[in-house]
Amino acid sequence: MEIRKVVGSIVCTHRNGGLGHLDLRLLQDLKGQYVVATDPVDARVGDWVFVVSGSAARYAMGNAAILTDLTIGGVIDHWETEEAAAIQPTASLPARAA
């Protein structure tokens, strides 16, 4: 698993049937590299998330037939390490609607 920041949504009018109508998010890592992930948790731009990769990504979507190798596993509310102190989500983020 890795930590990434949601920086956008991906809109594809034509896509492989194995992706269905899943939400796709554009994520960025701490080095500035971009990746696309499926999003079963409704992450928003600005959210820090953890991602699951490889075959586990399909299971994280709840369906092993989904064609993905990167899935958002959850939205991070808070984490504690000395290295992450400068980039962790702030306590002033609005509460997420259920």
PDB file of N, CA and C in Angstrom:
ATOM      1  N   MET A   1       0.844  -1.184   0.000  1.00  0.00           N
ATOM      2  CA  MET A   1       0.000   0.000   0.000  1.00  0.00           C
ATOM      3  C   MET A   1       0.882   1.237   0.000  1.00  0.00           C
ATOM      4  N   GLU A   2       0.357   2.285  -0.594  1.00  0.00           N
ATOM      5  CA  GLU A   2       1.064   3.558  -0.667  1.00  0.00           C
ATOM      6  C   GLU A   2       0.093   4.693  -0.369  1.00  0.00           C
ATOM      7  N   ILE A   3       0.649   5.837   0.024  1.00  0.00           N
ATOM      8  CA  ILE A   3      -0.149   7.034   0.275  1.00  0.00           C
ATOM      9  C   ILE A   3      -0.048   7.947  -0.940  1.00  0.00           C
ATOM     10  N   ARG A   4      -1.188   8.442  -1.376  1.00  0.00           N
ATOM     11  CA  ARG A   4      -1.248   9.350  -2.535  1.00  0.00           C
ATOM     12  C   ARG A   4      -2.251  10.467  -2.238  1.00  0.00           C
ATOM     13  N   LYS A   5      -2.170  11.542  -3.026  1.00  0.00           N
ATOM     14  CA  LYS A   5      -3.129  12.642  -2.899  1.00  0.00           C
ATOM     15  C   LYS A   5      -4.007  12.681  -4.140  1.00  0.00           C
ATOM     16  N   VAL A   6      -5.314  12.839  -3.945  1.00  0.00           N
ATOM     17  CA  VAL A   6      -6.247  12.950  -5.068  1.00  0.00           C
ATOM     18  C   VAL A   6      -6.114  14.357  -5.640  1.00  0.00           C
ATOM     19  N   VAL A   7      -5.782  14.427  -6.937  1.00  0.00           N
ATOM     20  CA  VAL A   7      -5.608  15.733  -7.579  1.00  0.00           C
ATOM     21  C   VAL A   7      -6.621  15.974  -8.698  1.00  0.00           C
ATOM     22  N   GLY A   8      -7.449  14.976  -8.992  1.00  0.00           N
ATOM     23  CA  GLY A   8      -8.452  15.174 -10.033  1.00  0.00           C
ATOM     24  C   GLY A   8      -9.258  13.925 -10.300  1.00  0.00           C
ATOM     25  N   SER A   9     -10.244  14.074 -11.154  1.00  0.00           N
ATOM     26  CA  SER A   9     -11.063  12.952 -11.618  1.00  0.00           C
ATOM     27  C   SER A   9     -10.770  12.722 -13.089  1.00  0.00           C
ATOM     28  N   ILE A  10     -10.941  11.501 -13.530  1.00  0.00           N
ATOM     29  CA  ILE A  10     -10.731  11.139 -14.927  1.00  0.00           C
ATOM     30  C   ILE A  10     -12.097  10.842 -15.534  1.00  0.00           C
ATOM     31  N   VAL A  11     -12.398  11.456 -16.669  1.00  0.00           N
ATOM     32  CA  VAL A  11     -13.651  11.206 -17.378  1.00  0.00           C
ATOM     33  C   VAL A  11     -13.316  10.502 -18.680  1.00  0.00           C
ATOM     34  N   CYS A  12     -13.882   9.317 -18.874  1.00  0.00           N
ATOM     35  CA  CYS A  12     -13.662   8.531 -20.098  1.00  0.00           C
ATOM     36  C   CYS A  12     -15.025   8.151 -20.664  1.00  0.00           C
ATOM     37  N   THR A  13     -15.368   8.679 -21.821  1.00  0.00           N
ATOM     38  CA  THR A  13     -16.658   8.337 -22.414  1.00  0.00           C
ATOM     39  C   THR A  13     -16.619   6.964 -23.067  1.00  0.00           C
ATOM     40  N   HIS A  14     -15.457   6.553 -23.530  1.00  0.00           N
ATOM     41  CA  HIS A  14     -15.282   5.219 -24.098  1.00  0.00           C
ATOM     42  C   HIS A  14     -14.217   4.509 -23.286  1.00  0.00           C
ATOM     43  N   ARG A  15     -14.568   3.336 -22.749  1.00  0.00           N
ATOM     44  CA  ARG A  15     -13.612   2.590 -21.938  1.00  0.00           C
ATOM     45  C   ARG A  15     -13.865   1.108 -22.065  1.00  0.00           C
ATOM     46  N   ASN A  16     -12.905   0.331 -21.653  1.00  0.00           N
ATOM     47  CA  ASN A  16     -13.013  -1.119 -21.664  1.00  0.00           C
ATOM     48  C   ASN A  16     -14.184  -1.541 -20.787  1.00  0.00           C
ATOM     49  N   GLY A  17     -14.945  -2.517 -21.244  1.00  0.00           N
ATOM     50  CA  GLY A  17     -16.100  -2.999 -20.496  1.00  0.00           C
ATOM     51  C   GLY A  17     -15.764  -3.526 -19.117  1.00  0.00           C
ATOM     52  N   GLY A  18     -14.537  -3.985 -18.925  1.00  0.00           N
ATOM     53  CA  GLY A  18     -14.112  -4.497 -17.622  1.00  0.00           C
ATOM     54  C   GLY A  18     -13.988  -3.426 -16.558  1.00  0.00           C
ATOM     55  N   LEU A  19     -14.060  -2.164 -16.965  1.00  0.00           N
ATOM     56  CA  LEU A  19     -14.046  -1.062 -16.002  1.00  0.00           C
ATOM     57  C   LEU A  19     -15.446  -0.574 -15.671  1.00  0.00           C
ATOM     58  N   GLY A  20     -16.430  -1.009 -16.449  1.00  0.00           N
ATOM     59  CA  GLY A  20     -17.800  -0.585 -16.192  1.00  0.00           C
ATOM     60  C   GLY A  20     -17.900   0.928 -16.139  1.00  0.00           C
ATOM     61  N   HIS A  21     -18.655   1.423 -15.176  1.00  0.00           N
ATOM     62  CA  HIS A  21     -18.820   2.869 -14.997  1.00  0.00           C
ATOM     63  C   HIS A  21     -18.195   3.305 -13.677  1.00  0.00           C
ATOM     64  N   LEU A  22     -17.049   2.717 -13.350  1.00  0.00           N
ATOM     65  CA  LEU A  22     -16.379   3.015 -12.090  1.00  0.00           C
ATOM     66  C   LEU A  22     -15.795   4.422 -12.092  1.00  0.00           C
ATOM     67  N   ASP A  23     -15.782   5.040 -10.916  1.00  0.00           N
ATOM     68  CA  ASP A  23     -15.131   6.339 -10.768  1.00  0.00           C
ATOM     69  C   ASP A  23     -13.626   6.153 -10.851  1.00  0.00           C
ATOM     70  N   LEU A  24     -12.969   7.032 -11.594  1.00  0.00           N
ATOM     71  CA  LEU A  24     -11.513   7.006 -11.734  1.00  0.00           C
ATOM     72  C   LEU A  24     -10.956   8.313 -11.188  1.00  0.00           C
ATOM     73  N   ARG A  25      -9.880   8.219 -10.414  1.00  0.00           N
ATOM     74  CA  ARG A  25      -9.258   9.408  -9.831  1.00  0.00           C
ATOM     75  C   ARG A  25      -7.808   9.519 -10.281  1.00  0.00           C
ATOM     76  N   LEU A  26      -7.357  10.754 -10.474  1.00  0.00           N
ATOM     77  CA  LEU A  26      -5.961  11.046 -10.762  1.00  0.00           C
ATOM     78  C   LEU A  26      -5.277  11.291  -9.423  1.00  0.00           C
ATOM     79  N   LEU A  27      -4.228  10.523  -9.155  1.00  0.00           N
ATOM     80  CA  LEU A  27      -3.510  10.610  -7.886  1.00  0.00           C
ATOM     81  C   LEU A  27      -2.074  11.043  -8.134  1.00  0.00           C
ATOM     82  N   GLN A  28      -1.481  11.680  -7.133  1.00  0.00           N
ATOM     83  CA  GLN A  28      -0.086  12.106  -7.219  1.00  0.00           C
ATOM     84  C   GLN A  28       0.644  11.635  -5.971  1.00  0.00           C
ATOM     85  N   ASP A  29       1.870  11.112  -6.171  1.00  0.00           N
ATOM     86  CA  ASP A  29       2.664  10.701  -5.017  1.00  0.00           C
ATOM     87  C   ASP A  29       3.538  11.860  -4.548  1.00  0.00           C
ATOM     88  N   LEU A  30       4.313  11.625  -3.501  1.00  0.00           N
ATOM     89  CA  LEU A  30       5.126  12.689  -2.921  1.00  0.00           C
ATOM     90  C   LEU A  30       6.265  13.128  -3.830  1.00  0.00           C
ATOM     91  N   LYS A  31       6.575  12.334  -4.858  1.00  0.00           N
ATOM     92  CA  LYS A  31       7.616  12.694  -5.818  1.00  0.00           C
ATOM     93  C   LYS A  31       7.039  13.423  -7.031  1.00  0.00           C
ATOM     94  N   GLY A  32       5.709  13.586  -7.066  1.00  0.00           N
ATOM     95  CA  GLY A  32       5.068  14.299  -8.164  1.00  0.00           C
ATOM     96  C   GLY A  32       4.603  13.422  -9.310  1.00  0.00           C
ATOM     97  N   GLN A  33       4.753  12.100  -9.190  1.00  0.00           N
ATOM     98  CA  GLN A  33       4.333  11.183 -10.247  1.00  0.00           C
ATOM     99  C   GLN A  33       2.815  10.977 -10.193  1.00  0.00           C
ATOM    100  N   TYR A  34       2.196  10.878 -11.367  1.00  0.00           N
ATOM    101  CA  TYR A  34       0.749  10.695 -11.461  1.00  0.00           C
ATOM    102  C   TYR A  34       0.398   9.252 -11.792  1.00  0.00           C
ATOM    103  N   VAL A  35      -0.730   8.789 -11.244  1.00  0.00           N
ATOM    104  CA  VAL A  35      -1.300   7.484 -11.568  1.00  0.00           C
ATOM    105  C   VAL A  35      -2.817   7.625 -11.555  1.00  0.00           C
ATOM    106  N   VAL A  36      -3.487   6.653 -12.144  1.00  0.00           N
ATOM    107  CA  VAL A  36      -4.949   6.606 -12.139  1.00  0.00           C
ATOM    108  C   VAL A  36      -5.374   5.395 -11.324  1.00  0.00           C
ATOM    109  N   ALA A  37      -6.394   5.578 -10.485  1.00  0.00           N
ATOM    110  CA  ALA A  37      -6.897   4.487  -9.650  1.00  0.00           C
ATOM    111  C   ALA A  37      -8.418   4.452  -9.695  1.00  0.00           C
ATOM    112  N   THR A  38      -8.978   3.255  -9.544  1.00  0.00           N
ATOM    113  CA  THR A  38     -10.422   3.137  -9.367  1.00  0.00           C
ATOM    114  C   THR A  38     -10.757   3.605  -7.953  1.00  0.00           C
ATOM    115  N   ASP A  39     -11.969   4.111  -7.780  1.00  0.00           N
ATOM    116  CA  ASP A  39     -12.345   4.730  -6.507  1.00  0.00           C
ATOM    117  C   ASP A  39     -13.694   4.236  -5.999  1.00  0.00           C
ATOM    118  N   PRO A  40     -13.698   3.222  -5.124  1.00  0.00           N
ATOM    119  CA  PRO A  40     -14.957   2.753  -4.548  1.00  0.00           C
ATOM    120  C   PRO A  40     -15.369   3.517  -3.287  1.00  0.00           C
ATOM    121  N   VAL A  41     -14.552   4.484  -2.828  1.00  0.00           N
ATOM    122  CA  VAL A  41     -14.825   5.158  -1.556  1.00  0.00           C
ATOM    123  C   VAL A  41     -15.228   6.626  -1.721  1.00  0.00           C
ATOM    124  N   ASP A  42     -15.397   7.085  -2.953  1.00  0.00           N
ATOM    125  CA  ASP A  42     -15.819   8.457  -3.234  1.00  0.00           C
ATOM    126  C   ASP A  42     -14.851   9.502  -2.671  1.00  0.00           C
ATOM    127  N   ALA A  43     -13.560   9.317  -2.953  1.00  0.00           N
ATOM    128  CA  ALA A  43     -12.546  10.288  -2.528  1.00  0.00           C
ATOM    129  C   ALA A  43     -12.721  11.587  -3.305  1.00  0.00           C
ATOM    130  N   ARG A  44     -12.354  12.689  -2.673  1.00  0.00           N
ATOM    131  CA  ARG A  44     -12.488  14.006  -3.288  1.00  0.00           C
ATOM    132  C   ARG A  44     -11.115  14.618  -3.547  1.00  0.00           C
ATOM    133  N   VAL A  45     -11.067  15.575  -4.461  1.00  0.00           N
ATOM    134  CA  VAL A  45      -9.826  16.293  -4.732  1.00  0.00           C
ATOM    135  C   VAL A  45      -9.325  16.901  -3.424  1.00  0.00           C
ATOM    136  N   GLY A  46      -8.043  16.704  -3.159  1.00  0.00           N
ATOM    137  CA  GLY A  46      -7.433  17.199  -1.928  1.00  0.00           C
ATOM    138  C   GLY A  46      -7.317  16.147  -0.847  1.00  0.00           C
ATOM    139  N   ASP A  47      -8.084  15.051  -0.954  1.00  0.00           N
ATOM    140  CA  ASP A  47      -8.002  13.971   0.034  1.00  0.00           C
ATOM    141  C   ASP A  47      -6.678  13.231  -0.094  1.00  0.00           C
ATOM    142  N   TRP A  48      -6.119  12.835   1.042  1.00  0.00           N
ATOM    143  CA  TRP A  48      -5.006  11.891   1.068  1.00  0.00           C
ATOM    144  C   TRP A  48      -5.629  10.513   1.198  1.00  0.00           C
ATOM    145  N   VAL A  49      -5.158   9.566   0.400  1.00  0.00           N
ATOM    146  CA  VAL A  49      -5.729   8.221   0.375  1.00  0.00           C
ATOM    147  C   VAL A  49      -4.613   7.186   0.433  1.00  0.00           C
ATOM    148  N   PHE A  50      -4.988   5.949   0.786  1.00  0.00           N
ATOM    149  CA  PHE A  50      -4.041   4.854   0.609  1.00  0.00           C
ATOM    150  C   PHE A  50      -4.562   3.987  -0.519  1.00  0.00           C
ATOM    151  N   VAL A  51      -3.645   3.443  -1.302  1.00  0.00           N
ATOM    152  CA  VAL A  51      -4.022   2.641  -2.458  1.00  0.00           C
ATOM    153  C   VAL A  51      -3.523   1.215  -2.311  1.00  0.00           C
ATOM    154  N   VAL A  52      -4.257   0.316  -2.939  1.00  0.00           N
ATOM    155  CA  VAL A  52      -3.923  -1.103  -2.990  1.00  0.00           C
ATOM    156  C   VAL A  52      -3.603  -1.416  -4.442  1.00  0.00           C
ATOM    157  N   SER A  53      -2.523  -2.163  -4.681  1.00  0.00           N
ATOM    158  CA  SER A  53      -2.115  -2.422  -6.063  1.00  0.00           C
ATOM    159  C   SER A  53      -2.076  -3.912  -6.372  1.00  0.00           C
ATOM    160  N   GLY A  54      -1.876  -4.203  -7.647  1.00  0.00           N
ATOM    161  CA  GLY A  54      -1.790  -5.590  -8.100  1.00  0.00           C
ATOM    162  C   GLY A  54      -3.136  -6.284  -8.043  1.00  0.00           C
ATOM    163  N   SER A  55      -3.106  -7.609  -7.876  1.00  0.00           N
ATOM    164  CA  SER A  55      -4.363  -8.369  -7.850  1.00  0.00           C
ATOM    165  C   SER A  55      -5.228  -7.979  -6.661  1.00  0.00           C
ATOM    166  N   ALA A  56      -4.627  -7.497  -5.575  1.00  0.00           N
ATOM    167  CA  ALA A  56      -5.405  -7.052  -4.417  1.00  0.00           C
ATOM    168  C   ALA A  56      -6.309  -5.875  -4.773  1.00  0.00           C
ATOM    169  N   ALA A  57      -5.928  -5.103  -5.788  1.00  0.00           N
ATOM    170  CA  ALA A  57      -6.743  -3.954  -6.204  1.00  0.00           C
ATOM    171  C   ALA A  57      -8.101  -4.401  -6.724  1.00  0.00           C
ATOM    172  N   ARG A  58      -8.142  -5.528  -7.417  1.00  0.00           N
ATOM    173  CA  ARG A  58      -9.428  -6.036  -7.921  1.00  0.00           C
ATOM    174  C   ARG A  58     -10.318  -6.467  -6.765  1.00  0.00           C
ATOM    175  N   TYR A  59      -9.725  -7.125  -5.772  1.00  0.00           N
ATOM    176  CA  TYR A  59     -10.503  -7.557  -4.614  1.00  0.00           C
ATOM    177  C   TYR A  59     -10.968  -6.360  -3.786  1.00  0.00           C
ATOM    178  N   ALA A  60     -10.164  -5.306  -3.738  1.00  0.00           N
ATOM    179  CA  ALA A  60     -10.561  -4.099  -3.005  1.00  0.00           C
ATOM    180  C   ALA A  60     -11.777  -3.442  -3.644  1.00  0.00           C
ATOM    181  N   MET A  61     -11.987  -3.680  -4.942  1.00  0.00           N
ATOM    182  CA  MET A  61     -13.175  -3.163  -5.625  1.00  0.00           C
ATOM    183  C   MET A  61     -14.401  -4.019  -5.320  1.00  0.00           C
ATOM    184  N   GLY A  62     -14.195  -5.170  -4.693  1.00  0.00           N
ATOM    185  CA  GLY A  62     -15.314  -6.050  -4.376  1.00  0.00           C
ATOM    186  C   GLY A  62     -15.684  -6.985  -5.502  1.00  0.00           C
ATOM    187  N   ASN A  63     -14.865  -7.022  -6.562  1.00  0.00           N
ATOM    188  CA  ASN A  63     -15.151  -7.868  -7.715  1.00  0.00           C
ATOM    189  C   ASN A  63     -13.830  -8.171  -8.412  1.00  0.00           C
ATOM    190  N   ALA A  64     -13.402  -9.413  -8.351  1.00  0.00           N
ATOM    191  CA  ALA A  64     -12.114  -9.803  -8.927  1.00  0.00           C
ATOM    192  C   ALA A  64     -12.101  -9.705 -10.451  1.00  0.00           C
ATOM    193  N   ALA A  65     -13.263  -9.520 -11.080  1.00  0.00           N
ATOM    194  CA  ALA A  65     -13.321  -9.405 -12.540  1.00  0.00           C
ATOM    195  C   ALA A  65     -13.068  -7.976 -13.029  1.00  0.00           C
ATOM    196  N   ILE A  66     -13.036  -7.008 -12.125  1.00  0.00           N
ATOM    197  CA  ILE A  66     -12.782  -5.614 -12.505  1.00  0.00           C
ATOM    198  C   ILE A  66     -11.355  -5.493 -13.032  1.00  0.00           C
ATOM    199  N   LEU A  67     -11.181  -4.770 -14.127  1.00  0.00           N
ATOM    200  CA  LEU A  67      -9.857  -4.596 -14.726  1.00  0.00           C
ATOM    201  C   LEU A  67      -9.157  -3.379 -14.122  1.00  0.00           C
ATOM    202  N   THR A  68      -8.524  -3.588 -12.982  1.00  0.00           N
ATOM    203  CA  THR A  68      -7.759  -2.518 -12.345  1.00  0.00           C
ATOM    204  C   THR A  68      -6.539  -3.110 -11.670  1.00  0.00           C
ATOM    205  N   ASP A  69      -5.484  -2.328 -11.589  1.00  0.00           N
ATOM    206  CA  ASP A  69      -4.321  -2.750 -10.815  1.00  0.00           C
ATOM    207  C   ASP A  69      -3.981  -1.722  -9.740  1.00  0.00           C
ATOM    208  N   LEU A  70      -4.881  -0.721  -9.553  1.00  0.00           N
ATOM    209  CA  LEU A  70      -4.700   0.265  -8.490  1.00  0.00           C
ATOM    210  C   LEU A  70      -6.072   0.745  -8.031  1.00  0.00           C
ATOM    211  N   THR A  71      -6.366   0.560  -6.742  1.00  0.00           N
ATOM    212  CA  THR A  71      -7.658   0.928  -6.170  1.00  0.00           C
ATOM    213  C   THR A  71      -7.442   1.724  -4.896  1.00  0.00           C
ATOM    214  N   ILE A  72      -8.235   2.768  -4.722  1.00  0.00           N
ATOM    215  CA  ILE A  72      -8.199   3.519  -3.468  1.00  0.00           C
ATOM    216  C   ILE A  72      -8.851   2.656  -2.394  1.00  0.00           C
ATOM    217  N   GLY A  73      -8.103   2.395  -1.320  1.00  0.00           N
ATOM    218  CA  GLY A  73      -8.608   1.561  -0.233  1.00  0.00           C
ATOM    219  C   GLY A  73      -9.309   2.357   0.845  1.00  0.00           C
ATOM    220  N   GLY A  74      -8.981   3.634   0.976  1.00  0.00           N
ATOM    221  CA  GLY A  74      -9.616   4.462   1.988  1.00  0.00           C
ATOM    222  C   GLY A  74      -9.070   5.872   1.986  1.00  0.00           C
ATOM    223  N   VAL A  75      -9.846   6.770   2.593  1.00  0.00           N
ATOM    224  CA  VAL A  75      -9.440   8.163   2.756  1.00  0.00           C
ATOM    225  C   VAL A  75      -8.765   8.285   4.118  1.00  0.00           C
ATOM    226  N   ILE A  76      -7.592   8.909   4.149  1.00  0.00           N
ATOM    227  CA  ILE A  76      -6.830   9.058   5.392  1.00  0.00           C
ATOM    228  C   ILE A  76      -7.325  10.291   6.141  1.00  0.00           C
ATOM    229  N   ASP A  77      -7.718  10.089   7.390  1.00  0.00           N
ATOM    230  CA  ASP A  77      -8.141  11.200   8.238  1.00  0.00           C
ATOM    231  C   ASP A  77      -6.959  11.817   8.970  1.00  0.00           C
ATOM    232  N   HIS A  78      -5.979  10.978   9.338  1.00  0.00           N
ATOM    233  CA  HIS A  78      -4.845  11.444  10.140  1.00  0.00           C
ATOM    234  C   HIS A  78      -3.774  10.369  10.142  1.00  0.00           C
ATOM    235  N   TRP A  79      -2.512  10.790  10.175  1.00  0.00           N
ATOM    236  CA  TRP A  79      -1.433   9.837  10.426  1.00  0.00           C
ATOM    237  C   TRP A  79      -0.360  10.526  11.234  1.00  0.00           C
ATOM    238  N   GLU A  80       0.422   9.715  11.964  1.00  0.00           N
ATOM    239  CA  GLU A  80       1.446  10.273  12.834  1.00  0.00           C
ATOM    240  C   GLU A  80       2.805   9.662  12.553  1.00  0.00           C
ATOM    241  N   THR A  81       3.699  10.453  12.010  1.00  0.00           N
ATOM    242  CA  THR A  81       5.123  10.145  11.917  1.00  0.00           C
ATOM    243  C   THR A  81       5.836  11.480  11.855  1.00  0.00           C
ATOM    244  N   GLU A  82       7.094  11.502  12.237  1.00  0.00           N
ATOM    245  CA  GLU A  82       7.837  12.758  12.159  1.00  0.00           C
ATOM    246  C   GLU A  82       7.988  13.213  10.717  1.00  0.00           C
ATOM    247  N   GLU A  83       8.227  12.272   9.790  1.00  0.00           N
ATOM    248  CA  GLU A  83       8.424  12.619   8.391  1.00  0.00           C
ATOM    249  C   GLU A  83       7.157  13.179   7.756  1.00  0.00           C
ATOM    250  N   ALA A  84       6.001  12.685   8.174  1.00  0.00           N
ATOM    251  CA  ALA A  84       4.742  13.084   7.551  1.00  0.00           C
ATOM    252  C   ALA A  84       4.134  14.327   8.183  1.00  0.00           C
ATOM    253  N   ALA A  85       4.711  14.818   9.264  1.00  0.00           N
ATOM    254  CA  ALA A  85       4.116  15.942   9.982  1.00  0.00           C
ATOM    255  C   ALA A  85       3.903  17.161   9.088  1.00  0.00           C
ATOM    256  N   ALA A  86       4.786  17.372   8.134  1.00  0.00           N
ATOM    257  CA  ALA A  86       4.679  18.548   7.273  1.00  0.00           C
ATOM    258  C   ALA A  86       3.607  18.419   6.204  1.00  0.00           C
ATOM    259  N   ILE A  87       3.144  17.203   5.915  1.00  0.00           N
ATOM    260  CA  ILE A  87       2.189  17.017   4.824  1.00  0.00           C
ATOM    261  C   ILE A  87       0.884  16.379   5.243  1.00  0.00           C
ATOM    262  N   GLN A  88       0.724  16.045   6.514  1.00  0.00           N
ATOM    263  CA  GLN A  88      -0.489  15.337   6.901  1.00  0.00           C
ATOM    264  C   GLN A  88      -1.723  16.212   6.749  1.00  0.00           C
ATOM    265  N   PRO A  89      -2.876  15.563   6.563  1.00  0.00           N
ATOM    266  CA  PRO A  89      -4.122  16.322   6.425  1.00  0.00           C
ATOM    267  C   PRO A  89      -4.350  17.202   7.649  1.00  0.00           C
ATOM    268  N   THR A  90      -4.932  18.359   7.455  1.00  0.00           N
ATOM    269  CA  THR A  90      -5.166  19.271   8.569  1.00  0.00           C
ATOM    270  C   THR A  90      -6.464  18.927   9.273  1.00  0.00           C
ATOM    271  N   ALA A  91      -6.542  19.328  10.520  1.00  0.00           N
ATOM    272  CA  ALA A  91      -7.739  19.057  11.312  1.00  0.00           C
ATOM    273  C   ALA A  91      -8.915  19.906  10.857  1.00  0.00           C
ATOM    274  N   SER A  92      -8.679  20.896  10.006  1.00  0.00           N
ATOM    275  CA  SER A  92      -9.752  21.799   9.600  1.00  0.00           C
ATOM    276  C   SER A  92     -10.515  21.327   8.365  1.00  0.00           C
ATOM    277  N   LEU A  93     -10.235  20.103   7.901  1.00  0.00           N
ATOM    278  CA  LEU A  93     -10.973  19.594   6.750  1.00  0.00           C
ATOM    279  C   LEU A  93     -12.438  19.433   7.108  1.00  0.00           C
ATOM    280  N   PRO A  94     -13.357  19.715   6.196  1.00  0.00           N
ATOM    281  CA  PRO A  94     -14.784  19.549   6.490  1.00  0.00           C
ATOM    282  C   PRO A  94     -15.116  18.078   6.696  1.00  0.00           C
ATOM    283  N   ALA A  95     -16.096  17.818   7.534  1.00  0.00           N
ATOM    284  CA  ALA A  95     -16.524  16.445   7.790  1.00  0.00           C
ATOM    285  C   ALA A  95     -17.087  15.843   6.513  1.00  0.00           C
ATOM    286  N   ARG A  96     -16.801  14.568   6.301  1.00  0.00           N
ATOM    287  CA  ARG A  96     -17.299  13.862   5.119  1.00  0.00           C
ATOM    288  C   ARG A  96     -18.739  13.438   5.355  1.00  0.00           C
ATOM    289  N   ALA A  97     -19.572  13.603   4.360  1.00  0.00           N
ATOM    290  CA  ALA A  97     -20.966  13.159   4.446  1.00  0.00           C
ATOM    291  C   ALA A  97     -21.006  11.648   4.333  1.00  0.00           C
ATOM    292  N   ALA A  98     -21.869  11.031   5.066  1.00  0.00           N
ATOM    293  CA  ALA A  98     -21.983   9.565   5.044  1.00  0.00           C
ATOM    294  C   ALA A  98     -22.675   9.095   3.801  1.00  0.00           C
TER     295      ALA A  98
END
